[in-house]
Amino acid sequence: MAVGVRPGRTRNPGLRSRRRREWLSTLAFLSPWLLGTGLFFVYPLVTTAWLSFTKYDGFVSPTWDGLDNWTFVFHDYPFFWPAMRNTLWFVVVLVSLRIVAGLVLGLMVVHVKHGNSVLRTVFYAPFLAPPVAGTLAFVFLLNPGTGPVNTILGHLGVSAPNWFNDPSWSKPALTLLALWGVGDLMVIFMAALLDVPQELYEAASLDGAGAISRFRHITLPHLRPILVFAVVTGVIATMQYYTEPIVAGQVASGQIAGSGNQFEPGYPNGSTLTLPQLVYNLGFQRFDIGAACVIAMVLFVLSMAFAAFLMRRGHGFLAGED
């Protein structure tokens, strides 16, 4: 053993230089991602977390405020917990119904032998409508006084609800709006359904398997990755649910927010209030940016928790575990 050389280590400047070059090359290839992640994710996240502990109105420099913003939001702010319940309601109900509706439409279009291209276009086209335009159309259609839906229900002798003007029907009305634009999930499920080997269906039919058995043992296992993807992306999108409830509330109440006007979200009676609406209301209407950052951090933690849980459960689901 050479004197001065530690056991297990050899002096090889060429090897160290090659490893350094490889490390620098890897870092150079990763630099666009590192730069984008740092600027558009890490920096905003750290800044939001820091501002949640400060008193800041957007004009004067923030000052440290400790846990006052967190105490205010969780204990003293009367709209936080109703908004939390509404947001979780939309996550559970809206996401579930959208997935079921997308899968049903996908199955229907795939099995239609004639005119499936027309059906595909008809069901997918609403997804392309801008959210504001689609919401305005639904508020007009479901208008309790002059809307065509209630007019038809009245002629049929059915007691028509007030839809966006009734706290009991406002969330179901928004759910109908979301189901109207379910064409994106329909297309995704159609692609997955067309990828299932037809030989498996033929073999199952020869063995006497019925339609339900074929769906359960052949179709559903092949759709597992798509179902996990649809649930995770649907939950994340619903946690950011803002445009449709705020527009529906403004139009249904007749209080179109304009210059110099301030609209309190959640019409009617807070039934459509969601956490993203509170972030906007506190941060950009009341200029309480510290409290708005608290709710933004709550949204981030909830989204990450939901995604982690669903991905963890999704691995077992993909593996066929119960």
C-alpha atoms as a PDB file:
ATOM      1  CA  MET A   1       0.000   0.000   0.000  1.00  0.00           C
ATOM      2  CA  ALA A   2       1.341   3.394  -0.937  1.00  0.00           C
ATOM      3  CA  VAL A   3       2.226   5.684   1.936  1.00  0.00           C
ATOM      4  CA  GLY A   4      -0.254   8.546   2.448  1.00  0.00           C
ATOM      5  CA  VAL A   5      -3.111   6.894   0.489  1.00  0.00           C
ATOM      6  CA  ARG A   6      -6.193   5.869   2.477  1.00  0.00           C
ATOM      7  CA  PRO A   7      -7.336   2.261   2.156  1.00  0.00           C
ATOM      8  CA  GLY A   8     -10.076   1.825  -0.383  1.00  0.00           C
ATOM      9  CA  ARG A   9      -9.257   5.042  -2.246  1.00  0.00           C
ATOM     10  CA  THR A  10      -7.009   5.566  -5.241  1.00  0.00           C
ATOM     11  CA  ARG A  11      -5.767   8.770  -6.677  1.00  0.00           C
ATOM     12  CA  ASN A  12      -7.204   8.953 -10.166  1.00  0.00           C
ATOM     13  CA  PRO A  13      -7.405  12.541 -11.403  1.00  0.00           C
ATOM     14  CA  GLY A  14      -8.719  11.384 -14.756  1.00  0.00           C
ATOM     15  CA  LEU A  15     -11.682   9.593 -13.180  1.00  0.00           C
ATOM     16  CA  ARG A  16     -12.539  12.575 -10.973  1.00  0.00           C
ATOM     17  CA  SER A  17     -12.299  14.927 -13.948  1.00  0.00           C
ATOM     18  CA  ARG A  18     -14.574  12.706 -16.033  1.00  0.00           C
ATOM     19  CA  ARG A  19     -17.121  12.499 -13.247  1.00  0.00           C
ATOM     20  CA  ARG A  20     -17.011  16.265 -12.831  1.00  0.00           C
ATOM     21  CA  ARG A  21     -17.628  16.756 -16.541  1.00  0.00           C
ATOM     22  CA  GLU A  22     -20.530  14.299 -16.460  1.00  0.00           C
ATOM     23  CA  TRP A  23     -22.007  16.090 -13.443  1.00  0.00           C
ATOM     24  CA  LEU A  24     -21.687  19.480 -15.141  1.00  0.00           C
ATOM     25  CA  SER A  25     -23.231  18.104 -18.340  1.00  0.00           C
ATOM     26  CA  THR A  26     -26.158  16.672 -16.398  1.00  0.00           C
ATOM     27  CA  LEU A  27     -26.593  19.967 -14.575  1.00  0.00           C
ATOM     28  CA  ALA A  28     -26.538  21.860 -17.897  1.00  0.00           C
ATOM     29  CA  PHE A  29     -29.272  19.637 -19.329  1.00  0.00           C
ATOM     30  CA  LEU A  30     -31.336  20.047 -16.146  1.00  0.00           C
ATOM     31  CA  SER A  31     -30.819  23.812 -15.930  1.00  0.00           C
ATOM     32  CA  PRO A  32     -33.998  24.789 -17.868  1.00  0.00           C
ATOM     33  CA  TRP A  33     -36.106  22.637 -15.553  1.00  0.00           C
ATOM     34  CA  LEU A  34     -34.248  23.819 -12.441  1.00  0.00           C
ATOM     35  CA  LEU A  35     -34.615  27.451 -13.498  1.00  0.00           C
ATOM     36  CA  GLY A  36     -38.321  27.120 -14.285  1.00  0.00           C
ATOM     37  CA  THR A  37     -39.073  25.162 -11.112  1.00  0.00           C
ATOM     38  CA  GLY A  38     -37.144  27.622  -8.988  1.00  0.00           C
ATOM     39  CA  LEU A  39     -38.737  30.737 -10.494  1.00  0.00           C
ATOM     40  CA  PHE A  40     -42.308  29.528 -10.928  1.00  0.00           C
ATOM     41  CA  PHE A  41     -42.742  27.024  -8.082  1.00  0.00           C
ATOM     42  CA  VAL A  42     -40.143  27.149  -5.291  1.00  0.00           C
ATOM     43  CA  TYR A  43     -39.830  30.947  -5.086  1.00  0.00           C
ATOM     44  CA  PRO A  44     -43.626  31.625  -5.122  1.00  0.00           C
ATOM     45  CA  LEU A  45     -44.205  28.809  -2.607  1.00  0.00           C
ATOM     46  CA  VAL A  46     -41.553  30.067  -0.181  1.00  0.00           C
ATOM     47  CA  THR A  47     -42.755  33.665  -0.586  1.00  0.00           C
ATOM     48  CA  THR A  48     -46.381  32.671   0.039  1.00  0.00           C
ATOM     49  CA  ALA A  49     -45.413  30.713   3.145  1.00  0.00           C
ATOM     50  CA  TRP A  50     -43.428  33.683   4.466  1.00  0.00           C
ATOM     51  CA  LEU A  51     -46.154  36.232   3.715  1.00  0.00           C
ATOM     52  CA  SER A  52     -48.667  34.092   5.608  1.00  0.00           C
ATOM     53  CA  PHE A  53     -46.810  35.084   8.787  1.00  0.00           C
ATOM     54  CA  THR A  54     -46.738  38.797   7.973  1.00  0.00           C
ATOM     55  CA  LYS A  55     -49.068  41.779   7.875  1.00  0.00           C
ATOM     56  CA  TYR A  56     -49.072  42.916   4.248  1.00  0.00           C
ATOM     57  CA  ASP A  57     -51.512  44.912   2.150  1.00  0.00           C
ATOM     58  CA  GLY A  58     -49.572  45.039  -1.108  1.00  0.00           C
ATOM     59  CA  PHE A  59     -48.505  48.666  -0.670  1.00  0.00           C
ATOM     60  CA  VAL A  60     -46.475  48.887   2.557  1.00  0.00           C
ATOM     61  CA  SER A  61     -43.576  46.534   3.190  1.00  0.00           C
ATOM     62  CA  PRO A  62     -44.668  43.369   5.046  1.00  0.00           C
ATOM     63  CA  THR A  63     -44.053  43.191   8.779  1.00  0.00           C
ATOM     64  CA  TRP A  64     -43.766  40.030  10.848  1.00  0.00           C
ATOM     65  CA  ASP A  65     -47.095  39.131  12.448  1.00  0.00           C
ATOM     66  CA  GLY A  66     -46.468  35.643  13.784  1.00  0.00           C
ATOM     67  CA  LEU A  67     -49.457  33.311  13.829  1.00  0.00           C
ATOM     68  CA  ASP A  68     -52.057  36.089  13.810  1.00  0.00           C
ATOM     69  CA  ASN A  69     -53.107  35.418  10.208  1.00  0.00           C
ATOM     70  CA  TRP A  70     -53.462  31.704  10.859  1.00  0.00           C
ATOM     71  CA  THR A  71     -55.473  32.326  14.035  1.00  0.00           C
ATOM     72  CA  PHE A  72     -57.706  34.773  12.190  1.00  0.00           C
ATOM     73  CA  VAL A  73     -58.406  32.403   9.286  1.00  0.00           C
ATOM     74  CA  PHE A  74     -59.054  29.274  11.364  1.00  0.00           C
ATOM     75  CA  HIS A  75     -60.880  30.816  14.320  1.00  0.00           C
ATOM     76  CA  ASP A  76     -62.175  34.311  13.539  1.00  0.00           C
ATOM     77  CA  TYR A  77     -62.890  34.338   9.788  1.00  0.00           C
ATOM     78  CA  PRO A  78     -66.519  33.158   9.423  1.00  0.00           C
ATOM     79  CA  PHE A  79     -66.252  32.198   5.738  1.00  0.00           C
ATOM     80  CA  PHE A  80     -63.307  29.796   5.894  1.00  0.00           C
ATOM     81  CA  TRP A  81     -65.021  26.626   7.109  1.00  0.00           C
ATOM     82  CA  PRO A  82     -68.115  27.006   4.866  1.00  0.00           C
ATOM     83  CA  ALA A  83     -65.754  27.469   1.910  1.00  0.00           C
ATOM     84  CA  MET A  84     -63.775  24.405   3.023  1.00  0.00           C
ATOM     85  CA  ARG A  85     -66.957  22.289   3.157  1.00  0.00           C
ATOM     86  CA  ASN A  86     -68.091  23.497  -0.255  1.00  0.00           C
ATOM     87  CA  THR A  87     -64.678  22.823  -1.791  1.00  0.00           C
ATOM     88  CA  LEU A  88     -64.572  19.285  -0.396  1.00  0.00           C
ATOM     89  CA  TRP A  89     -68.168  18.730  -1.605  1.00  0.00           C
ATOM     90  CA  PHE A  90     -67.128  19.661  -5.127  1.00  0.00           C
ATOM     91  CA  VAL A  91     -64.027  17.452  -4.889  1.00  0.00           C
ATOM     92  CA  VAL A  92     -66.044  14.395  -3.881  1.00  0.00           C
ATOM     93  CA  VAL A  93     -69.263  14.831  -5.869  1.00  0.00           C
ATOM     94  CA  LEU A  94     -68.181  16.731  -8.965  1.00  0.00           C
ATOM     95  CA  VAL A  95     -65.045  14.677  -9.643  1.00  0.00           C
ATOM     96  CA  SER A  96     -66.867  11.363  -9.096  1.00  0.00           C
ATOM     97  CA  LEU A  97     -69.778  12.241 -11.373  1.00  0.00           C
ATOM     98  CA  ARG A  98     -67.489  13.597 -14.091  1.00  0.00           C
ATOM     99  CA  ILE A  99     -65.501  10.357 -14.152  1.00  0.00           C
ATOM    100  CA  VAL A 100     -68.644   8.210 -14.274  1.00  0.00           C
ATOM    101  CA  ALA A 101     -70.204  10.384 -16.992  1.00  0.00           C
ATOM    102  CA  GLY A 102     -66.997  10.432 -19.058  1.00  0.00           C
ATOM    103  CA  LEU A 103     -66.682   6.651 -18.845  1.00  0.00           C
ATOM    104  CA  VAL A 104     -70.344   6.070 -19.754  1.00  0.00           C
ATOM    105  CA  LEU A 105     -70.135   8.403 -22.752  1.00  0.00           C
ATOM    106  CA  GLY A 106     -66.868   6.806 -23.854  1.00  0.00           C
ATOM    107  CA  LEU A 107     -68.396   3.335 -23.709  1.00  0.00           C
ATOM    108  CA  MET A 108     -71.458   4.508 -25.598  1.00  0.00           C
ATOM    109  CA  VAL A 109     -69.541   6.217 -28.412  1.00  0.00           C
ATOM    110  CA  VAL A 110     -67.110   3.310 -28.790  1.00  0.00           C
ATOM    111  CA  HIS A 111     -69.927   0.780 -29.175  1.00  0.00           C
ATOM    112  CA  VAL A 112     -72.022   2.870 -31.585  1.00  0.00           C
ATOM    113  CA  LYS A 113     -71.427   1.526 -35.079  1.00  0.00           C
ATOM    114  CA  HIS A 114     -72.911   4.386 -37.110  1.00  0.00           C
ATOM    115  CA  GLY A 115     -72.559   8.082 -36.429  1.00  0.00           C
ATOM    116  CA  ASN A 116     -69.967   7.778 -33.684  1.00  0.00           C
ATOM    117  CA  SER A 117     -67.932  10.619 -35.188  1.00  0.00           C
ATOM    118  CA  VAL A 118     -70.961  12.918 -34.916  1.00  0.00           C
ATOM    119  CA  LEU A 119     -71.556  11.870 -31.300  1.00  0.00           C
ATOM    120  CA  ARG A 120     -67.885  12.365 -30.512  1.00  0.00           C
ATOM    121  CA  THR A 121     -68.051  15.918 -31.839  1.00  0.00           C
ATOM    122  CA  VAL A 122     -71.330  16.712 -30.079  1.00  0.00           C
ATOM    123  CA  PHE A 123     -70.103  15.497 -26.691  1.00  0.00           C
ATOM    124  CA  TYR A 124     -66.637  17.020 -26.978  1.00  0.00           C
ATOM    125  CA  ALA A 125     -67.648  20.457 -28.306  1.00  0.00           C
ATOM    126  CA  PRO A 126     -68.956  21.818 -24.950  1.00  0.00           C
ATOM    127  CA  PHE A 127     -65.521  21.283 -23.406  1.00  0.00           C
ATOM    128  CA  LEU A 128     -64.125  23.839 -25.871  1.00  0.00           C
ATOM    129  CA  ALA A 129     -66.519  26.561 -24.708  1.00  0.00           C
ATOM    130  CA  PRO A 130     -64.855  29.228 -22.515  1.00  0.00           C
ATOM    131  CA  PRO A 131     -65.814  28.789 -18.839  1.00  0.00           C
ATOM    132  CA  VAL A 132     -67.385  32.260 -18.590  1.00  0.00           C
ATOM    133  CA  ALA A 133     -69.483  31.784 -21.740  1.00  0.00           C
ATOM    134  CA  GLY A 134     -70.599  28.321 -20.650  1.00  0.00           C
ATOM    135  CA  THR A 135     -71.583  29.577 -17.203  1.00  0.00           C
ATOM    136  CA  LEU A 136     -73.544  32.487 -18.665  1.00  0.00           C
ATOM    137  CA  ALA A 137     -75.405  30.096 -20.951  1.00  0.00           C
ATOM    138  CA  PHE A 138     -76.311  27.796 -18.057  1.00  0.00           C
ATOM    139  CA  VAL A 139     -77.506  30.662 -15.875  1.00  0.00           C
ATOM    140  CA  PHE A 140     -79.773  31.733 -18.766  1.00  0.00           C
ATOM    141  CA  LEU A 141     -81.037  28.187 -19.378  1.00  0.00           C
ATOM    142  CA  LEU A 142     -81.719  27.601 -15.673  1.00  0.00           C
ATOM    143  CA  ASN A 143     -83.185  31.010 -14.945  1.00  0.00           C
ATOM    144  CA  PRO A 144     -86.109  30.331 -12.571  1.00  0.00           C
ATOM    145  CA  GLY A 145     -88.381  32.912 -14.203  1.00  0.00           C
ATOM    146  CA  THR A 146     -87.623  32.932 -17.925  1.00  0.00           C
ATOM    147  CA  GLY A 147     -85.275  30.001 -18.490  1.00  0.00           C
ATOM    148  CA  PRO A 148     -86.352  27.373 -21.020  1.00  0.00           C
ATOM    149  CA  VAL A 149     -85.563  24.481 -18.658  1.00  0.00           C
ATOM    150  CA  ASN A 150     -87.993  25.658 -15.978  1.00  0.00           C
ATOM    151  CA  THR A 151     -90.537  26.569 -18.649  1.00  0.00           C
ATOM    152  CA  ILE A 152     -90.486  23.025 -19.996  1.00  0.00           C
ATOM    153  CA  LEU A 153     -90.644  21.564 -16.476  1.00  0.00           C
ATOM    154  CA  GLY A 154     -93.624  23.795 -15.726  1.00  0.00           C
ATOM    155  CA  HIS A 155     -95.484  22.523 -18.797  1.00  0.00           C
ATOM    156  CA  LEU A 156     -94.790  18.977 -17.627  1.00  0.00           C
ATOM    157  CA  GLY A 157     -96.244  19.739 -14.225  1.00  0.00           C
ATOM    158  CA  VAL A 158     -92.920  19.450 -12.410  1.00  0.00           C
ATOM    159  CA  SER A 159     -92.106  21.896  -9.635  1.00  0.00           C
ATOM    160  CA  ALA A 160     -89.095  23.749 -11.038  1.00  0.00           C
ATOM    161  CA  PRO A 161     -86.246  24.643  -8.650  1.00  0.00           C
ATOM    162  CA  ASN A 162     -84.614  28.053  -8.434  1.00  0.00           C
ATOM    163  CA  TRP A 163     -81.231  26.577  -9.405  1.00  0.00           C
ATOM    164  CA  PHE A 164     -78.511  29.223  -8.977  1.00  0.00           C
ATOM    165  CA  ASN A 165     -80.791  31.320  -6.723  1.00  0.00           C
ATOM    166  CA  ASP A 166     -81.467  28.503  -4.248  1.00  0.00           C
ATOM    167  CA  PRO A 167     -78.739  27.400  -1.775  1.00  0.00           C
ATOM    168  CA  SER A 168     -80.022  23.823  -2.000  1.00  0.00           C
ATOM    169  CA  TRP A 169     -79.739  23.717  -5.800  1.00  0.00           C
ATOM    170  CA  SER A 170     -76.764  25.980  -6.564  1.00  0.00           C
ATOM    171  CA  LYS A 171     -74.119  23.265  -6.186  1.00  0.00           C
ATOM    172  CA  PRO A 172     -76.139  20.685  -8.204  1.00  0.00           C
ATOM    173  CA  ALA A 173     -76.557  23.348 -10.917  1.00  0.00           C
ATOM    174  CA  LEU A 174     -72.769  23.846 -11.039  1.00  0.00           C
ATOM    175  CA  THR A 175     -72.373  20.074 -11.159  1.00  0.00           C
ATOM    176  CA  LEU A 176     -74.653  19.939 -14.222  1.00  0.00           C
ATOM    177  CA  LEU A 177     -72.463  22.603 -15.808  1.00  0.00           C
ATOM    178  CA  ALA A 178     -69.362  20.496 -15.126  1.00  0.00           C
ATOM    179  CA  LEU A 179     -71.030  17.378 -16.569  1.00  0.00           C
ATOM    180  CA  TRP A 180     -71.967  19.344 -19.692  1.00  0.00           C
ATOM    181  CA  GLY A 181     -68.250  19.850 -20.369  1.00  0.00           C
ATOM    182  CA  VAL A 182     -67.151  16.281 -19.699  1.00  0.00           C
ATOM    183  CA  GLY A 183     -65.936  15.754 -23.270  1.00  0.00           C
ATOM    184  CA  ASP A 184     -62.264  15.817 -22.261  1.00  0.00           C
ATOM    185  CA  LEU A 185     -62.643  12.742 -20.068  1.00  0.00           C
ATOM    186  CA  MET A 186     -64.805  11.053 -22.699  1.00  0.00           C
ATOM    187  CA  VAL A 187     -62.006  11.323 -25.276  1.00  0.00           C
ATOM    188  CA  ILE A 188     -59.413   9.997 -22.811  1.00  0.00           C
ATOM    189  CA  PHE A 189     -61.570   7.018 -21.873  1.00  0.00           C
ATOM    190  CA  MET A 190     -62.363   6.337 -25.535  1.00  0.00           C
ATOM    191  CA  ALA A 191     -58.649   6.095 -26.334  1.00  0.00           C
ATOM    192  CA  ALA A 192     -58.156   3.663 -23.451  1.00  0.00           C
ATOM    193  CA  LEU A 193     -61.194   1.580 -24.409  1.00  0.00           C
ATOM    194  CA  LEU A 194     -60.033   1.253 -28.003  1.00  0.00           C
ATOM    195  CA  ASP A 195     -56.674   0.001 -26.717  1.00  0.00           C
ATOM    196  CA  VAL A 196     -58.191  -3.040 -24.962  1.00  0.00           C
ATOM    197  CA  PRO A 197     -57.412  -6.222 -26.975  1.00  0.00           C
ATOM    198  CA  GLN A 198     -60.572  -7.505 -28.623  1.00  0.00           C
ATOM    199  CA  GLU A 199     -59.318 -11.083 -28.310  1.00  0.00           C
ATOM    200  CA  LEU A 200     -59.936 -10.905 -24.564  1.00  0.00           C
ATOM    201  CA  TYR A 201     -63.586  -9.996 -25.117  1.00  0.00           C
ATOM    202  CA  GLU A 202     -63.996 -12.811 -27.655  1.00  0.00           C
ATOM    203  CA  ALA A 203     -62.430 -15.363 -25.318  1.00  0.00           C
ATOM    204  CA  ALA A 204     -64.601 -14.204 -22.427  1.00  0.00           C
ATOM    205  CA  SER A 205     -67.736 -14.437 -24.589  1.00  0.00           C
ATOM    206  CA  LEU A 206     -66.847 -17.988 -25.565  1.00  0.00           C
ATOM    207  CA  ASP A 207     -66.508 -18.816 -21.863  1.00  0.00           C
ATOM    208  CA  GLY A 208     -70.010 -17.471 -21.253  1.00  0.00           C
ATOM    209  CA  ALA A 209     -69.083 -14.187 -19.564  1.00  0.00           C
ATOM    210  CA  GLY A 210     -71.797 -11.548 -19.686  1.00  0.00           C
ATOM    211  CA  ALA A 211     -71.436  -7.832 -20.348  1.00  0.00           C
ATOM    212  CA  ILE A 212     -71.045  -6.919 -16.677  1.00  0.00           C
ATOM    213  CA  SER A 213     -68.472  -9.664 -16.109  1.00  0.00           C
ATOM    214  CA  ARG A 214     -66.480  -8.578 -19.183  1.00  0.00           C
ATOM    215  CA  PHE A 215     -66.497  -4.974 -17.987  1.00  0.00           C
ATOM    216  CA  ARG A 216     -65.399  -5.929 -14.487  1.00  0.00           C
ATOM    217  CA  HIS A 217     -62.661  -8.404 -15.383  1.00  0.00           C
ATOM    218  CA  ILE A 218     -61.382  -7.036 -18.705  1.00  0.00           C
ATOM    219  CA  THR A 219     -62.336  -3.405 -19.276  1.00  0.00           C
ATOM    220  CA  LEU A 220     -61.871  -2.068 -15.758  1.00  0.00           C
ATOM    221  CA  PRO A 221     -58.374  -3.533 -15.192  1.00  0.00           C
ATOM    222  CA  HIS A 222     -57.181  -1.946 -18.456  1.00  0.00           C
ATOM    223  CA  LEU A 223     -58.677   1.396 -17.426  1.00  0.00           C
ATOM    224  CA  ARG A 224     -56.999   1.513 -14.014  1.00  0.00           C
ATOM    225  CA  PRO A 225     -54.128   3.852 -15.009  1.00  0.00           C
ATOM    226  CA  ILE A 226     -56.561   6.197 -16.758  1.00  0.00           C
ATOM    227  CA  LEU A 227     -58.895   6.203 -13.753  1.00  0.00           C
ATOM    228  CA  VAL A 228     -56.046   7.116 -11.408  1.00  0.00           C
ATOM    229  CA  PHE A 229     -54.964   9.890 -13.789  1.00  0.00           C
ATOM    230  CA  ALA A 230     -58.527  11.219 -14.065  1.00  0.00           C
ATOM    231  CA  VAL A 231     -59.044  11.244 -10.299  1.00  0.00           C
ATOM    232  CA  VAL A 232     -55.740  12.959  -9.484  1.00  0.00           C
ATOM    233  CA  THR A 233     -56.050  15.653 -12.164  1.00  0.00           C
ATOM    234  CA  GLY A 234     -59.751  16.133 -11.373  1.00  0.00           C
ATOM    235  CA  VAL A 235     -59.077  16.680  -7.666  1.00  0.00           C
ATOM    236  CA  ILE A 236     -56.290  19.174  -8.372  1.00  0.00           C
ATOM    237  CA  ALA A 237     -58.465  21.094 -10.855  1.00  0.00           C
ATOM    238  CA  THR A 238     -61.451  21.135  -8.498  1.00  0.00           C
ATOM    239  CA  MET A 239     -59.333  22.462  -5.645  1.00  0.00           C
ATOM    240  CA  GLN A 240     -58.840  25.511  -7.921  1.00  0.00           C
ATOM    241  CA  TYR A 241     -62.559  25.841  -8.726  1.00  0.00           C
ATOM    242  CA  TYR A 242     -63.133  29.585  -9.110  1.00  0.00           C
ATOM    243  CA  THR A 243     -64.484  30.905 -12.419  1.00  0.00           C
ATOM    244  CA  GLU A 244     -67.792  29.064 -12.715  1.00  0.00           C
ATOM    245  CA  PRO A 245     -69.143  29.707  -9.170  1.00  0.00           C
ATOM    246  CA  ILE A 246     -68.086  33.375  -9.114  1.00  0.00           C
ATOM    247  CA  VAL A 247     -69.622  34.106 -12.543  1.00  0.00           C
ATOM    248  CA  ALA A 248     -72.807  32.170 -11.762  1.00  0.00           C
ATOM    249  CA  GLY A 249     -73.197  34.009  -8.457  1.00  0.00           C
ATOM    250  CA  GLN A 250     -72.695  37.423 -10.011  1.00  0.00           C
ATOM    251  CA  VAL A 251     -75.098  36.857 -12.891  1.00  0.00           C
ATOM    252  CA  ALA A 252     -77.800  35.071 -10.859  1.00  0.00           C
ATOM    253  CA  SER A 253     -77.758  37.787  -8.186  1.00  0.00           C
ATOM    254  CA  GLY A 254     -77.777  40.609 -10.736  1.00  0.00           C
ATOM    255  CA  GLN A 255     -74.701  42.155  -9.098  1.00  0.00           C
ATOM    256  CA  ILE A 256     -72.201  42.322 -11.921  1.00  0.00           C
ATOM    257  CA  ALA A 257     -68.960  43.502 -10.362  1.00  0.00           C
ATOM    258  CA  GLY A 258     -67.470  46.424 -12.204  1.00  0.00           C
ATOM    259  CA  SER A 259     -65.301  49.435 -11.530  1.00  0.00           C
ATOM    260  CA  GLY A 260     -65.913  50.654  -7.980  1.00  0.00           C
ATOM    261  CA  ASN A 261     -68.167  47.699  -7.095  1.00  0.00           C
ATOM    262  CA  GLN A 262     -67.258  44.853  -4.755  1.00  0.00           C
ATOM    263  CA  PHE A 263     -69.091  41.540  -5.035  1.00  0.00           C
ATOM    264  CA  GLU A 264     -69.160  39.193  -2.055  1.00  0.00           C
ATOM    265  CA  PRO A 265     -68.625  35.673  -3.459  1.00  0.00           C
ATOM    266  CA  GLY A 266     -70.679  32.622  -2.557  1.00  0.00           C
ATOM    267  CA  TYR A 267     -74.159  33.649  -3.738  1.00  0.00           C
ATOM    268  CA  PRO A 268     -76.646  32.421  -2.685  1.00  0.00           C
ATOM    269  CA  ASN A 269     -75.981  32.441   1.078  1.00  0.00           C
ATOM    270  CA  GLY A 270     -72.431  31.191   0.716  1.00  0.00           C
ATOM    271  CA  SER A 271     -73.515  27.922  -0.920  1.00  0.00           C
ATOM    272  CA  THR A 272     -71.062  28.276  -3.839  1.00  0.00           C
ATOM    273  CA  LEU A 273     -68.180  29.793  -1.851  1.00  0.00           C
ATOM    274  CA  THR A 274     -64.867  28.013  -2.449  1.00  0.00           C
ATOM    275  CA  LEU A 275     -61.367  28.494  -1.077  1.00  0.00           C
ATOM    276  CA  PRO A 276     -59.945  30.069  -4.276  1.00  0.00           C
ATOM    277  CA  GLN A 277     -62.687  32.704  -4.096  1.00  0.00           C
ATOM    278  CA  LEU A 278     -61.568  33.560  -0.571  1.00  0.00           C
ATOM    279  CA  VAL A 279     -57.988  33.956  -1.761  1.00  0.00           C
ATOM    280  CA  TYR A 280     -59.085  36.491  -4.368  1.00  0.00           C
ATOM    281  CA  ASN A 281     -61.514  38.263  -2.034  1.00  0.00           C
ATOM    282  CA  LEU A 282     -58.994  38.662   0.783  1.00  0.00           C
ATOM    283  CA  GLY A 283     -55.947  39.374  -1.346  1.00  0.00           C
ATOM    284  CA  PHE A 284     -57.257  41.596  -4.133  1.00  0.00           C
ATOM    285  CA  GLN A 285     -60.468  43.094  -2.754  1.00  0.00           C
ATOM    286  CA  ARG A 286     -59.681  43.533   0.941  1.00  0.00           C
ATOM    287  CA  PHE A 287     -55.881  43.747   0.518  1.00  0.00           C
ATOM    288  CA  ASP A 288     -55.271  41.341   3.394  1.00  0.00           C
ATOM    289  CA  ILE A 289     -52.565  39.437   1.555  1.00  0.00           C
ATOM    290  CA  GLY A 290     -51.255  37.706   4.678  1.00  0.00           C
ATOM    291  CA  ALA A 291     -54.593  35.993   5.330  1.00  0.00           C
ATOM    292  CA  ALA A 292     -54.978  35.202   1.619  1.00  0.00           C
ATOM    293  CA  CYS A 293     -51.585  33.474   1.692  1.00  0.00           C
ATOM    294  CA  VAL A 294     -52.758  31.342   4.628  1.00  0.00           C
ATOM    295  CA  ILE A 295     -55.671  30.025   2.561  1.00  0.00           C
ATOM    296  CA  ALA A 296     -53.349  29.546  -0.426  1.00  0.00           C
ATOM    297  CA  MET A 297     -51.064  27.412   1.752  1.00  0.00           C
ATOM    298  CA  VAL A 298     -54.070  25.409   2.968  1.00  0.00           C
ATOM    299  CA  LEU A 299     -55.029  24.770  -0.652  1.00  0.00           C
ATOM    300  CA  PHE A 300     -51.479  23.692  -1.466  1.00  0.00           C
ATOM    301  CA  VAL A 301     -51.281  21.296   1.483  1.00  0.00           C
ATOM    302  CA  LEU A 302     -54.713  19.817   0.715  1.00  0.00           C
ATOM    303  CA  SER A 303     -53.836  19.340  -2.951  1.00  0.00           C
ATOM    304  CA  MET A 304     -50.533  17.658  -2.109  1.00  0.00           C
ATOM    305  CA  ALA A 305     -52.195  15.449   0.519  1.00  0.00           C
ATOM    306  CA  PHE A 306     -54.956  14.382  -1.870  1.00  0.00           C
ATOM    307  CA  ALA A 307     -52.453  13.733  -4.667  1.00  0.00           C
ATOM    308  CA  ALA A 308     -50.108  11.738  -2.410  1.00  0.00           C
ATOM    309  CA  PHE A 309     -52.976   9.655  -1.014  1.00  0.00           C
ATOM    310  CA  LEU A 310     -54.470   8.984  -4.438  1.00  0.00           C
ATOM    311  CA  MET A 311     -51.103   8.115  -5.971  1.00  0.00           C
ATOM    312  CA  ARG A 312     -50.311   5.789  -3.072  1.00  0.00           C
ATOM    313  CA  ARG A 313     -53.696   4.121  -3.305  1.00  0.00           C
ATOM    314  CA  GLY A 314     -53.390   4.194  -7.075  1.00  0.00           C
ATOM    315  CA  HIS A 315     -50.300   1.974  -6.998  1.00  0.00           C
ATOM    316  CA  GLY A 316     -52.291  -0.677  -5.134  1.00  0.00           C
ATOM    317  CA  PHE A 317     -55.247  -0.146  -7.478  1.00  0.00           C
ATOM    318  CA  LEU A 318     -53.005  -0.556 -10.519  1.00  0.00           C
ATOM    319  CA  ALA A 319     -51.568  -3.714  -9.029  1.00  0.00           C
ATOM    320  CA  GLY A 320     -55.074  -5.096  -8.526  1.00  0.00           C
ATOM    321  CA  GLU A 321     -54.964  -4.933  -4.720  1.00  0.00           C
ATOM    322  CA  ASP A 322     -58.169  -4.369  -2.760  1.00  0.00           C
END
